[in-house]
Structures are given as C-alpha cells and as structure tokens.
PDB file of N, CA and C in Angstrom:
ATOM      1  N   UNK A   1     -14.262  24.799   7.169  1.00  0.00           N
ATOM      2  CA  UNK A   1     -15.180  23.910   7.683  1.00  0.00           C
ATOM      3  C   UNK A   1     -16.456  23.331   6.489  1.00  0.00           C
ATOM      4  N   UNK A   2     -16.638  24.546   6.133  1.00  0.00           N
ATOM      5  CA  UNK A   2     -17.296  24.105   4.462  1.00  0.00           C
ATOM      6  C   UNK A   2     -16.890  23.861   3.385  1.00  0.00           C
ATOM      7  N   UNK A   3     -15.929  24.025   2.943  1.00  0.00           N
ATOM      8  CA  UNK A   3     -14.799  23.380   1.981  1.00  0.00           C
ATOM      9  C   UNK A   3     -14.829  21.796   2.345  1.00  0.00           C
ATOM     10  N   UNK A   4     -15.097  21.697   3.717  1.00  0.00           N
ATOM     11  CA  UNK A   4     -15.052  19.985   3.938  1.00  0.00           C
ATOM     12  C   UNK A   4     -16.381  19.666   4.160  1.00  0.00           C
ATOM     13  N   UNK A   5     -16.533  19.998   4.414  1.00  0.00           N
ATOM     14  CA  UNK A   5     -18.550  19.379   4.498  1.00  0.00           C
ATOM     15  C   UNK A   5     -19.104  19.556   2.886  1.00  0.00           C
ATOM     16  N   UNK A   6     -18.959  20.857   2.553  1.00  0.00           N
ATOM     17  CA  UNK A   6     -19.388  20.938   0.899  1.00  0.00           C
ATOM     18  C   UNK A   6     -18.676  21.074   0.321  1.00  0.00           C
ATOM     19  N   UNK A   7     -17.531  19.630   0.088  1.00  0.00           N
ATOM     20  CA  UNK A   7     -16.993  19.560  -0.589  1.00  0.00           C
ATOM     21  C   UNK A   7     -17.185  19.171  -2.256  1.00  0.00           C
ATOM     22  N   UNK A   8     -17.000  19.331  -2.991  1.00  0.00           N
ATOM     23  CA  UNK A   8     -17.338  19.292  -4.555  1.00  0.00           C
ATOM     24  C   UNK A   8     -16.133  18.245  -4.967  1.00  0.00           C
ATOM     25  N   UNK A   9     -16.239  17.732  -6.075  1.00  0.00           N
ATOM     26  CA  UNK A   9     -15.148  16.944  -6.603  1.00  0.00           C
ATOM     27  C   UNK A   9     -15.178  17.787  -8.073  1.00  0.00           C
ATOM     28  N   UNK A  10     -14.020  18.087  -8.322  1.00  0.00           N
ATOM     29  CA  UNK A  10     -13.957  18.144  -9.690  1.00  0.00           C
ATOM     30  C   UNK A  10     -13.624  17.609 -10.999  1.00  0.00           C
ATOM     31  N   UNK A  11     -14.229  18.155 -11.842  1.00  0.00           N
ATOM     32  CA  UNK A  11     -14.476  16.911 -12.928  1.00  0.00           C
ATOM     33  C   UNK A  11     -13.133  16.067 -13.618  1.00  0.00           C
ATOM     34  N   UNK A  12     -11.771  17.344 -14.111  1.00  0.00           N
ATOM     35  CA  UNK A  12     -10.798  16.478 -14.314  1.00  0.00           C
ATOM     36  C   UNK A  12     -10.163  15.792 -13.492  1.00  0.00           C
ATOM     37  N   UNK A  13     -10.533  16.103 -11.801  1.00  0.00           N
ATOM     38  CA  UNK A  13      -9.889  14.725 -11.098  1.00  0.00           C
ATOM     39  C   UNK A  13     -10.558  13.826 -10.864  1.00  0.00           C
ATOM     40  N   UNK A  14     -11.467  13.675 -11.375  1.00  0.00           N
ATOM     41  CA  UNK A  14     -12.446  12.285 -11.212  1.00  0.00           C
ATOM     42  C   UNK A  14     -11.402  10.929 -10.634  1.00  0.00           C
ATOM     43  N   UNK A  15     -10.851  10.628 -11.228  1.00  0.00           N
ATOM     44  CA  UNK A  15      -9.820   9.609 -11.331  1.00  0.00           C
ATOM     45  C   UNK A  15      -9.134   9.768  -9.934  1.00  0.00           C
ATOM     46  N   UNK A  16      -8.718  11.088  -9.399  1.00  0.00           N
ATOM     47  CA  UNK A  16      -8.022  10.798  -8.440  1.00  0.00           C
ATOM     48  C   UNK A  16      -9.365  10.262  -6.764  1.00  0.00           C
ATOM     49  N   UNK A  17     -10.378  10.639  -7.180  1.00  0.00           N
ATOM     50  CA  UNK A  17     -11.466   9.995  -6.234  1.00  0.00           C
ATOM     51  C   UNK A  17     -11.736   8.738  -6.301  1.00  0.00           C
ATOM     52  N   UNK A  18     -11.797   8.131  -7.871  1.00  0.00           N
ATOM     53  CA  UNK A  18     -12.370   6.853  -7.889  1.00  0.00           C
ATOM     54  C   UNK A  18     -11.576   5.573  -6.931  1.00  0.00           C
ATOM     55  N   UNK A  19     -10.049   5.593  -6.643  1.00  0.00           N
ATOM     56  CA  UNK A  19      -9.549   4.937  -6.079  1.00  0.00           C
ATOM     57  C   UNK A  19     -10.194   4.812  -4.508  1.00  0.00           C
ATOM     58  N   UNK A  20     -10.507   6.117  -4.178  1.00  0.00           N
ATOM     59  CA  UNK A  20     -11.207   6.422  -2.653  1.00  0.00           C
ATOM     60  C   UNK A  20     -12.377   5.328  -2.792  1.00  0.00           C
ATOM     61  N   UNK A  21     -13.154   5.807  -3.548  1.00  0.00           N
ATOM     62  CA  UNK A  21     -14.543   4.957  -3.586  1.00  0.00           C
ATOM     63  C   UNK A  21     -14.398   3.834  -3.428  1.00  0.00           C
ATOM     64  N   UNK A  22     -13.406   3.251  -4.380  1.00  0.00           N
ATOM     65  CA  UNK A  22     -12.956   1.543  -4.270  1.00  0.00           C
ATOM     66  C   UNK A  22     -13.021   1.348  -3.175  1.00  0.00           C
ATOM     67  N   UNK A  23     -12.166   1.756  -2.672  1.00  0.00           N
ATOM     68  CA  UNK A  23     -11.520   0.996  -0.979  1.00  0.00           C
ATOM     69  C   UNK A  23     -12.317   1.501   0.016  1.00  0.00           C
ATOM     70  N   UNK A  24     -13.137   2.827  -0.293  1.00  0.00           N
ATOM     71  CA  UNK A  24     -14.518   2.196   0.868  1.00  0.00           C
ATOM     72  C   UNK A  24     -15.874   1.348   0.533  1.00  0.00           C
ATOM     73  N   UNK A  25     -15.726   0.661  -0.747  1.00  0.00           N
ATOM     74  CA  UNK A  25     -16.446  -0.187  -0.994  1.00  0.00           C
ATOM     75  C   UNK A  25     -16.166  -1.456  -0.463  1.00  0.00           C
ATOM     76  N   UNK A  26     -14.368  -1.818  -0.456  1.00  0.00           N
ATOM     77  CA  UNK A  26     -13.754  -2.961   0.200  1.00  0.00           C
ATOM     78  C   UNK A  26     -14.271  -2.545   1.890  1.00  0.00           C
ATOM     79  N   UNK A  27     -14.058  -1.294   2.437  1.00  0.00           N
ATOM     80  CA  UNK A  27     -14.644  -1.688   3.586  1.00  0.00           C
ATOM     81  C   UNK A  27     -15.862  -2.351   3.843  1.00  0.00           C
ATOM     82  N   UNK A  28     -16.898  -1.807   2.908  1.00  0.00           N
ATOM     83  CA  UNK A  28     -18.116  -2.200   3.059  1.00  0.00           C
ATOM     84  C   UNK A  28     -17.862  -3.566   2.981  1.00  0.00           C
ATOM     85  N   UNK A  29     -17.491  -4.338   2.325  1.00  0.00           N
ATOM     86  CA  UNK A  29     -17.352  -5.395   1.705  1.00  0.00           C
ATOM     87  C   UNK A  29     -18.116  -5.875   0.239  1.00  0.00           C
ATOM     88  N   UNK A  30     -17.855  -4.575  -0.411  1.00  0.00           N
ATOM     89  CA  UNK A  30     -18.451  -5.027  -1.780  1.00  0.00           C
ATOM     90  C   UNK A  30     -17.467  -5.032  -2.444  1.00  0.00           C
ATOM     91  N   UNK A  31     -16.244  -5.138  -2.310  1.00  0.00           N
ATOM     92  CA  UNK A  31     -15.144  -5.257  -3.024  1.00  0.00           C
ATOM     93  C   UNK A  31     -14.332  -5.758  -2.143  1.00  0.00           C
ATOM     94  N   UNK A  32     -14.044  -7.505  -2.686  1.00  0.00           N
ATOM     95  CA  UNK A  32     -12.892  -8.137  -2.100  1.00  0.00           C
ATOM     96  C   UNK A  32     -11.627  -7.967  -2.719  1.00  0.00           C
ATOM     97  N   UNK A  33     -10.341  -7.253  -1.741  1.00  0.00           N
ATOM     98  CA  UNK A  33      -9.523  -7.399  -2.113  1.00  0.00           C
ATOM     99  C   UNK A  33      -8.265  -7.750  -1.199  1.00  0.00           C
ATOM    100  N   UNK A  34      -8.777  -8.979  -0.618  1.00  0.00           N
ATOM    101  CA  UNK A  34      -7.862  -9.627   0.369  1.00  0.00           C
ATOM    102  C   UNK A  34      -6.713 -10.310  -0.656  1.00  0.00           C
ATOM    103  N   UNK A  35      -5.438 -10.121  -0.162  1.00  0.00           N
ATOM    104  CA  UNK A  35      -4.053 -10.525  -0.370  1.00  0.00           C
ATOM    105  C   UNK A  35      -3.577  -9.711  -1.465  1.00  0.00           C
ATOM    106  N   UNK A  36      -4.513  -8.369  -1.702  1.00  0.00           N
ATOM    107  CA  UNK A  36      -3.793  -7.521  -2.926  1.00  0.00           C
ATOM    108  C   UNK A  36      -2.535  -6.305  -2.138  1.00  0.00           C
ATOM    109  N   UNK A  37      -1.982  -5.941  -3.458  1.00  0.00           N
ATOM    110  CA  UNK A  37      -0.898  -4.705  -2.952  1.00  0.00           C
ATOM    111  C   UNK A  37      -1.829  -3.702  -3.895  1.00  0.00           C
ATOM    112  N   UNK A  38      -1.878  -2.552  -3.117  1.00  0.00           N
ATOM    113  CA  UNK A  38      -2.452  -1.536  -3.635  1.00  0.00           C
ATOM    114  C   UNK A  38      -1.277  -0.337  -4.162  1.00  0.00           C
ATOM    115  N   UNK A  39      -0.818  -0.392  -5.635  1.00  0.00           N
ATOM    116  CA  UNK A  39       0.290   0.479  -6.055  1.00  0.00           C
ATOM    117  C   UNK A  39       0.198   1.797  -6.373  1.00  0.00           C
ATOM    118  N   UNK A  40       0.375   2.764  -5.243  1.00  0.00           N
ATOM    119  CA  UNK A  40       0.932   4.012  -5.349  1.00  0.00           C
ATOM    120  C   UNK A  40       1.419   4.978  -5.354  1.00  0.00           C
ATOM    121  N   UNK A  41       1.634   5.973  -6.312  1.00  0.00           N
ATOM    122  CA  UNK A  41       2.484   7.151  -6.804  1.00  0.00           C
ATOM    123  C   UNK A  41       1.966   8.524  -6.090  1.00  0.00           C
ATOM    124  N   UNK A  42       2.850   8.892  -5.723  1.00  0.00           N
ATOM    125  CA  UNK A  42       2.893  10.566  -5.315  1.00  0.00           C
ATOM    126  C   UNK A  42       2.401  10.621  -4.131  1.00  0.00           C
ATOM    127  N   UNK A  43       1.182  11.750  -3.759  1.00  0.00           N
ATOM    128  CA  UNK A  43       0.824  11.907  -2.666  1.00  0.00           C
ATOM    129  C   UNK A  43      -0.437  11.036  -2.421  1.00  0.00           C
ATOM    130  N   UNK A  44      -1.024   9.980  -1.632  1.00  0.00           N
ATOM    131  CA  UNK A  44      -2.128   9.293  -1.488  1.00  0.00           C
ATOM    132  C   UNK A  44      -2.799   9.159   0.131  1.00  0.00           C
ATOM    133  N   UNK A  45      -2.343  10.250   0.883  1.00  0.00           N
ATOM    134  CA  UNK A  45      -2.984  10.016   2.343  1.00  0.00           C
ATOM    135  C   UNK A  45      -4.290   9.540   2.401  1.00  0.00           C
ATOM    136  N   UNK A  46      -5.353   9.962   1.948  1.00  0.00           N
ATOM    137  CA  UNK A  46      -6.883   9.621   1.818  1.00  0.00           C
ATOM    138  C   UNK A  46      -6.446   7.893   1.349  1.00  0.00           C
ATOM    139  N   UNK A  47      -6.061   7.544   0.533  1.00  0.00           N
ATOM    140  CA  UNK A  47      -6.223   6.016   0.226  1.00  0.00           C
ATOM    141  C   UNK A  47      -5.293   5.452   1.227  1.00  0.00           C
ATOM    142  N   UNK A  48      -4.372   5.454   1.616  1.00  0.00           N
ATOM    143  CA  UNK A  48      -3.733   4.700   2.654  1.00  0.00           C
ATOM    144  C   UNK A  48      -4.375   4.493   4.073  1.00  0.00           C
ATOM    145  N   UNK A  49      -4.708   6.083   4.378  1.00  0.00           N
ATOM    146  CA  UNK A  49      -5.803   6.174   5.633  1.00  0.00           C
ATOM    147  C   UNK A  49      -7.207   5.193   5.397  1.00  0.00           C
ATOM    148  N   UNK A  50      -7.771   4.734   4.506  1.00  0.00           N
ATOM    149  CA  UNK A  50      -8.862   3.524   4.037  1.00  0.00           C
ATOM    150  C   UNK A  50      -7.676   2.021   3.866  1.00  0.00           C
ATOM    151  N   UNK A  51      -6.899   2.122   3.737  1.00  0.00           N
ATOM    152  CA  UNK A  51      -5.858   0.313   3.575  1.00  0.00           C
ATOM    153  C   UNK A  51      -5.930   0.157   5.203  1.00  0.00           C
ATOM    154  N   UNK A  52      -5.420   1.317   5.821  1.00  0.00           N
ATOM    155  CA  UNK A  52      -5.104   0.667   6.876  1.00  0.00           C
ATOM    156  C   UNK A  52      -6.207   0.144   8.032  1.00  0.00           C
ATOM    157  N   UNK A  53      -7.476   1.160   7.743  1.00  0.00           N
ATOM    158  CA  UNK A  53      -9.043   0.665   8.368  1.00  0.00           C
ATOM    159  C   UNK A  53      -9.071  -1.142   7.732  1.00  0.00           C
ATOM    160  N   UNK A  54      -8.502  -0.586   6.552  1.00  0.00           N
ATOM    161  CA  UNK A  54      -8.571  -2.994   6.212  1.00  0.00           C
ATOM    162  C   UNK A  54      -8.168  -3.705   6.511  1.00  0.00           C
ATOM    163  N   UNK A  55      -6.743  -3.471   7.173  1.00  0.00           N
ATOM    164  CA  UNK A  55      -5.852  -3.932   7.880  1.00  0.00           C
ATOM    165  C   UNK A  55      -6.604  -4.158   9.066  1.00  0.00           C
ATOM    166  N   UNK A  56      -6.997  -2.815   9.385  1.00  0.00           N
ATOM    167  CA  UNK A  56      -7.833  -3.425  11.083  1.00  0.00           C
ATOM    168  C   UNK A  56      -8.523  -4.689  10.732  1.00  0.00           C
ATOM    169  N   UNK A  57      -9.557  -4.596   9.919  1.00  0.00           N
ATOM    170  CA  UNK A  57     -10.412  -5.052   9.885  1.00  0.00           C
ATOM    171  C   UNK A  57      -9.763  -6.544   9.376  1.00  0.00           C
ATOM    172  N   UNK A  58      -8.737  -7.039   9.436  1.00  0.00           N
ATOM    173  CA  UNK A  58      -7.894  -8.770   9.214  1.00  0.00           C
ATOM    174  C   UNK A  58      -7.995  -8.716   8.164  1.00  0.00           C
ATOM    175  N   UNK A  59      -7.687  -7.550   7.178  1.00  0.00           N
ATOM    176  CA  UNK A  59      -7.684  -7.897   5.550  1.00  0.00           C
ATOM    177  C   UNK A  59      -5.852  -7.880   5.509  1.00  0.00           C
ATOM    178  N   UNK A  60      -5.353  -8.716   4.386  1.00  0.00           N
ATOM    179  CA  UNK A  60      -3.908  -8.910   3.975  1.00  0.00           C
ATOM    180  C   UNK A  60      -4.049  -7.885   2.935  1.00  0.00           C
ATOM    181  N   UNK A  61      -3.975  -6.243   2.988  1.00  0.00           N
ATOM    182  CA  UNK A  61      -4.051  -5.729   2.216  1.00  0.00           C
ATOM    183  C   UNK A  61      -2.970  -4.366   2.349  1.00  0.00           C
ATOM    184  N   UNK A  62      -2.179  -4.485   1.218  1.00  0.00           N
ATOM    185  CA  UNK A  62      -0.628  -3.418   1.256  1.00  0.00           C
ATOM    186  C   UNK A  62      -0.260  -2.569   0.234  1.00  0.00           C
ATOM    187  N   UNK A  63       0.420  -1.923   0.992  1.00  0.00           N
ATOM    188  CA  UNK A  63       0.915  -0.685  -0.349  1.00  0.00           C
ATOM    189  C   UNK A  63       1.990  -1.321  -0.971  1.00  0.00           C
ATOM    190  N   UNK A  64       2.275  -1.807  -1.780  1.00  0.00           N
ATOM    191  CA  UNK A  64       3.576  -2.059  -2.726  1.00  0.00           C
ATOM    192  C   UNK A  64       4.681  -1.241  -3.561  1.00  0.00           C
ATOM    193  N   UNK A  65       5.921  -1.372  -3.406  1.00  0.00           N
ATOM    194  CA  UNK A  65       6.571  -0.655  -4.960  1.00  0.00           C
ATOM    195  C   UNK A  65       6.557  -1.062  -6.246  1.00  0.00           C
ATOM    196  N   UNK A  66       5.715  -0.422  -7.021  1.00  0.00           N
ATOM    197  CA  UNK A  66       5.273  -0.859  -7.971  1.00  0.00           C
ATOM    198  C   UNK A  66       6.606  -1.364  -9.196  1.00  0.00           C
ATOM    199  N   UNK A  67       7.895  -1.136  -8.646  1.00  0.00           N
ATOM    200  CA  UNK A  67       9.418  -1.421  -8.848  1.00  0.00           C
ATOM    201  C   UNK A  67      10.120  -2.865  -8.586  1.00  0.00           C
ATOM    202  N   UNK A  68       9.202  -3.383  -7.976  1.00  0.00           N
ATOM    203  CA  UNK A  68       9.960  -4.344  -7.164  1.00  0.00           C
ATOM    204  C   UNK A  68       8.789  -5.600  -7.109  1.00  0.00           C
ATOM    205  N   UNK A  69       8.199  -5.883  -7.735  1.00  0.00           N
ATOM    206  CA  UNK A  69       7.148  -6.805  -7.803  1.00  0.00           C
ATOM    207  C   UNK A  69       7.682  -8.350  -7.933  1.00  0.00           C
ATOM    208  N   UNK A  70       6.615  -9.434  -7.524  1.00  0.00           N
ATOM    209  CA  UNK A  70       7.444 -10.696  -8.013  1.00  0.00           C
ATOM    210  C   UNK A  70       6.276 -11.525  -8.486  1.00  0.00           C
ATOM    211  N   UNK A  71       7.092 -12.665  -9.081  1.00  0.00           N
ATOM    212  CA  UNK A  71       6.025 -13.577 -10.044  1.00  0.00           C
ATOM    213  C   UNK A  71       4.741 -14.027  -8.693  1.00  0.00           C
ATOM    214  N   UNK A  72       3.262 -14.231  -8.781  1.00  0.00           N
ATOM    215  CA  UNK A  72       2.295 -13.725  -8.297  1.00  0.00           C
ATOM    216  C   UNK A  72       1.840 -12.904  -7.544  1.00  0.00           C
ATOM    217  N   UNK A  73       2.282 -11.961  -7.083  1.00  0.00           N
ATOM    218  CA  UNK A  73       2.127 -10.727  -6.725  1.00  0.00           C
ATOM    219  C   UNK A  73       0.211 -10.408  -6.956  1.00  0.00           C
ATOM    220  N   UNK A  74      -0.357  -9.983  -6.053  1.00  0.00           N
ATOM    221  CA  UNK A  74      -1.767  -9.480  -7.018  1.00  0.00           C
ATOM    222  C   UNK A  74      -1.757  -7.654  -6.786  1.00  0.00           C
ATOM    223  N   UNK A  75      -1.691  -7.018  -7.738  1.00  0.00           N
ATOM    224  CA  UNK A  75      -2.042  -5.853  -7.831  1.00  0.00           C
ATOM    225  C   UNK A  75      -3.305  -5.196  -7.889  1.00  0.00           C
ATOM    226  N   UNK A  76      -3.405  -3.831  -7.283  1.00  0.00           N
ATOM    227  CA  UNK A  76      -4.113  -2.644  -7.940  1.00  0.00           C
ATOM    228  C   UNK A  76      -3.790  -1.684  -8.017  1.00  0.00           C
ATOM    229  N   UNK A  77      -3.959  -1.274  -9.607  1.00  0.00           N
ATOM    230  CA  UNK A  77      -3.808   0.372 -10.081  1.00  0.00           C
ATOM    231  C   UNK A  77      -4.314   1.124 -10.345  1.00  0.00           C
ATOM    232  N   UNK A  78      -4.721   2.408 -10.508  1.00  0.00           N
ATOM    233  CA  UNK A  78      -5.752   3.194 -11.091  1.00  0.00           C
ATOM    234  C   UNK A  78      -4.524   4.521 -11.881  1.00  0.00           C
ATOM    235  N   UNK A  79      -3.709   4.254 -11.527  1.00  0.00           N
ATOM    236  CA  UNK A  79      -2.892   5.459 -12.074  1.00  0.00           C
ATOM    237  C   UNK A  79      -1.899   5.352 -13.440  1.00  0.00           C
ATOM    238  N   UNK A  80      -2.002   5.985 -14.427  1.00  0.00           N
ATOM    239  CA  UNK A  80      -1.775   5.470 -15.560  1.00  0.00           C
ATOM    240  C   UNK A  80      -0.240   5.538 -15.948  1.00  0.00           C
ATOM    241  N   UNK A  81       0.377   6.368 -14.736  1.00  0.00           N
ATOM    242  CA  UNK A  81       1.824   5.757 -15.015  1.00  0.00           C
ATOM    243  C   UNK A  81       2.458   4.831 -14.558  1.00  0.00           C
ATOM    244  N   UNK A  82       1.496   4.310 -13.431  1.00  0.00           N
ATOM    245  CA  UNK A  82       2.074   2.675 -12.850  1.00  0.00           C
ATOM    246  C   UNK A  82       1.415   2.005 -14.003  1.00  0.00           C
ATOM    247  N   UNK A  83       0.742   1.861 -14.296  1.00  0.00           N
ATOM    248  CA  UNK A  83      -0.132   0.746 -15.509  1.00  0.00           C
ATOM    249  C   UNK A  83       0.453   1.009 -16.492  1.00  0.00           C
ATOM    250  N   UNK A  84       1.519   1.926 -17.277  1.00  0.00           N
ATOM    251  CA  UNK A  84       1.944   1.511 -18.218  1.00  0.00           C
ATOM    252  C   UNK A  84       3.578   0.983 -17.517  1.00  0.00           C
ATOM    253  N   UNK A  85       3.930   1.573 -16.949  1.00  0.00           N
ATOM    254  CA  UNK A  85       5.557   0.884 -16.213  1.00  0.00           C
ATOM    255  C   UNK A  85       4.892  -1.098 -15.920  1.00  0.00           C
ATOM    256  N   UNK A  86       3.865  -0.881 -15.651  1.00  0.00           N
ATOM    257  CA  UNK A  86       4.033  -2.342 -15.348  1.00  0.00           C
ATOM    258  C   UNK A  86       3.755  -3.126 -16.859  1.00  0.00           C
ATOM    259  N   UNK A  87       3.042  -2.545 -17.698  1.00  0.00           N
ATOM    260  CA  UNK A  87       3.003  -2.865 -19.211  1.00  0.00           C
ATOM    261  C   UNK A  87       4.118  -3.181 -19.694  1.00  0.00           C
ATOM    262  N   UNK A  88       5.611  -2.223 -19.743  1.00  0.00           N
ATOM    263  CA  UNK A  88       6.446  -2.224 -19.875  1.00  0.00           C
ATOM    264  C   UNK A  88       7.143  -3.402 -19.861  1.00  0.00           C
ATOM    265  N   UNK A  89       6.969  -3.586 -18.348  1.00  0.00           N
ATOM    266  CA  UNK A  89       7.974  -4.186 -17.148  1.00  0.00           C
ATOM    267  C   UNK A  89       7.891  -5.422 -17.142  1.00  0.00           C
ATOM    268  N   UNK A  90       6.661  -6.067 -16.745  1.00  0.00           N
ATOM    269  CA  UNK A  90       6.037  -7.481 -16.666  1.00  0.00           C
ATOM    270  C   UNK A  90       5.447  -7.975 -17.425  1.00  0.00           C
ATOM    271  N   UNK A  91       5.379  -9.176 -16.914  1.00  0.00           N
ATOM    272  CA  UNK A  91       4.327 -10.110 -17.754  1.00  0.00           C
ATOM    273  C   UNK A  91       3.285 -10.064 -17.037  1.00  0.00           C
ATOM    274  N   UNK A  92       2.171  -9.812 -17.563  1.00  0.00           N
ATOM    275  CA  UNK A  92       1.030 -10.015 -16.482  1.00  0.00           C
ATOM    276  C   UNK A  92      -0.145 -10.091 -17.024  1.00  0.00           C
ATOM    277  N   UNK A  93      -1.344 -10.805 -16.131  1.00  0.00           N
ATOM    278  CA  UNK A  93      -3.158 -11.035 -16.463  1.00  0.00           C
ATOM    279  C   UNK A  93      -3.802  -9.993 -15.640  1.00  0.00           C
ATOM    280  N   UNK A  94      -4.241  -9.315 -16.850  1.00  0.00           N
ATOM    281  CA  UNK A  94      -5.634  -8.650 -16.243  1.00  0.00           C
ATOM    282  C   UNK A  94      -6.668  -9.399 -15.479  1.00  0.00           C
ATOM    283  N   UNK A  95      -7.024  -9.202 -14.553  1.00  0.00           N
ATOM    284  CA  UNK A  95      -7.857  -9.688 -13.944  1.00  0.00           C
ATOM    285  C   UNK A  95      -9.239  -9.482 -13.606  1.00  0.00           C
ATOM    286  N   UNK A  96      -8.755  -7.620 -13.680  1.00  0.00           N
ATOM    287  CA  UNK A  96     -10.244  -7.209 -13.848  1.00  0.00           C
ATOM    288  C   UNK A  96     -10.049  -5.648 -14.022  1.00  0.00           C
ATOM    289  N   UNK A  97     -11.114  -5.416 -14.716  1.00  0.00           N
ATOM    290  CA  UNK A  97     -10.988  -3.620 -14.892  1.00  0.00           C
ATOM    291  C   UNK A  97     -12.434  -2.847 -15.118  1.00  0.00           C
ATOM    292  N   UNK A  98     -12.463  -2.223 -13.711  1.00  0.00           N
ATOM    293  CA  UNK A  98     -13.789  -1.140 -13.703  1.00  0.00           C
ATOM    294  C   UNK A  98     -13.531   0.030 -13.470  1.00  0.00           C
ATOM    295  N   UNK A  99     -13.725   1.006 -14.662  1.00  0.00           N
ATOM    296  CA  UNK A  99     -13.539   2.027 -14.605  1.00  0.00           C
ATOM    297  C   UNK A  99     -11.983   2.335 -14.910  1.00  0.00           C
ATOM    298  N   UNK A 100     -11.066   3.306 -13.986  1.00  0.00           N
ATOM    299  CA  UNK A 100      -9.700   3.441 -14.191  1.00  0.00           C
ATOM    300  C   UNK A 100      -8.869   2.605 -13.034  1.00  0.00           C
ATOM    301  N   UNK A 101      -9.793   1.636 -12.250  1.00  0.00           N
ATOM    302  CA  UNK A 101      -9.324   0.880 -11.280  1.00  0.00           C
ATOM    303  C   UNK A 101      -9.202  -0.379 -12.182  1.00  0.00           C
ATOM    304  N   UNK A 102      -7.638  -1.115 -12.185  1.00  0.00           N
ATOM    305  CA  UNK A 102      -7.250  -2.624 -12.770  1.00  0.00           C
ATOM    306  C   UNK A 102      -6.661  -3.091 -11.876  1.00  0.00           C
ATOM    307  N   UNK A 103      -7.098  -4.600 -11.783  1.00  0.00           N
ATOM    308  CA  UNK A 103      -6.588  -5.908 -11.238  1.00  0.00           C
ATOM    309  C   UNK A 103      -5.448  -6.849 -11.836  1.00  0.00           C
ATOM    310  N   UNK A 104      -4.144  -6.787 -11.341  1.00  0.00           N
ATOM    311  CA  UNK A 104      -3.740  -7.696 -12.159  1.00  0.00           C
ATOM    312  C   UNK A 104      -3.005  -8.736 -11.329  1.00  0.00           C
ATOM    313  N   UNK A 105      -2.603  -9.886 -11.702  1.00  0.00           N
ATOM    314  CA  UNK A 105      -1.715 -10.526 -11.155  1.00  0.00           C
ATOM    315  C   UNK A 105      -0.375 -10.826 -12.305  1.00  0.00           C
ATOM    316  N   UNK A 106       1.080 -10.589 -11.597  1.00  0.00           N
ATOM    317  CA  UNK A 106       1.973 -10.667 -12.281  1.00  0.00           C
ATOM    318  C   UNK A 106       2.361 -11.611 -12.484  1.00  0.00           C
ATOM    319  N   UNK A 107       3.047 -11.988 -13.296  1.00  0.00           N
ATOM    320  CA  UNK A 107       3.126 -13.589 -14.146  1.00  0.00           C
ATOM    321  C   UNK A 107       5.178 -13.539 -13.604  1.00  0.00           C
ATOM    322  N   UNK A 108       5.109 -12.218 -14.411  1.00  0.00           N
ATOM    323  CA  UNK A 108       6.923 -12.500 -14.217  1.00  0.00           C
ATOM    324  C   UNK A 108       7.283 -11.221 -14.690  1.00  0.00           C
ATOM    325  N   UNK A 109       8.213 -10.830 -14.432  1.00  0.00           N
ATOM    326  CA  UNK A 109       8.772  -9.711 -15.181  1.00  0.00           C
ATOM    327  C   UNK A 109       9.768 -10.530 -16.328  1.00  0.00           C
ATOM    328  N   UNK A 110       9.543  -9.069 -17.614  1.00  0.00           N
ATOM    329  CA  UNK A 110       9.626  -9.057 -18.637  1.00  0.00           C
ATOM    330  C   UNK A 110      11.457  -9.211 -18.946  1.00  0.00           C
ATOM    331  N   UNK A 111      11.984  -9.966 -19.842  1.00  0.00           N
ATOM    332  CA  UNK A 111      13.647  -9.910 -20.040  1.00  0.00           C
ATOM    333  C   UNK A 111      14.041  -9.017 -20.732  1.00  0.00           C
TER     334      UNK A 111
END
C-alpha cells in the first residue's frame, strides 16, 4: 500500500508519465482532445483507463493502430518509436508539440 500511496516517479521514466498527466488534464477540460486518436504501443493500461473516462464523458477519443491511419485522422503520440513510424510512412502536419506529446493531422500515406 505504501508503494501506491507514496509512489515516486523515476526520473528516466518521466516520459511514460507525461501522457497520463496530459490525459488527466483532458478529463479536467484543460486539453481539448475531442475527435483525436491516441496512438499507443506496448503496455498502456493506465492511459486506456483515462481514455475510457473521457469516452464516458462523451468525448470522441479512441485508440488507433498507428500502422493503419487514414488521411484526415487527428492523432496524438508520445512514444518515439511511433513518432518515427509516422514520419517514415505518412505525410503529416504537426499541430502542436508539448514536451513528448505531439498532435498530428495525417495528410496521406507516403508513396
């Protein structure tokens, strides 16, 4: 119980926590992520939990497969492997960067 209540972030894992804080801000209405897809790779249960809360509040927020995006998709990523994949495979517009979190609009697939 002490590890949960008095948990501490490990500095080199800060990026893993940043998306959670971002999603908490979205729940509070500080970040507008309606109509966005969150791109996740690996274990992300904590972030999926926050996404479910946003959906219960009526927002259109989804998780999407970053390898099957369509022109016009609005997406958010914080993981470098996904960001690199997006740059390599899609024409995209960076809408906003805030720390590790980047919002994109997918323009098209690269030829």
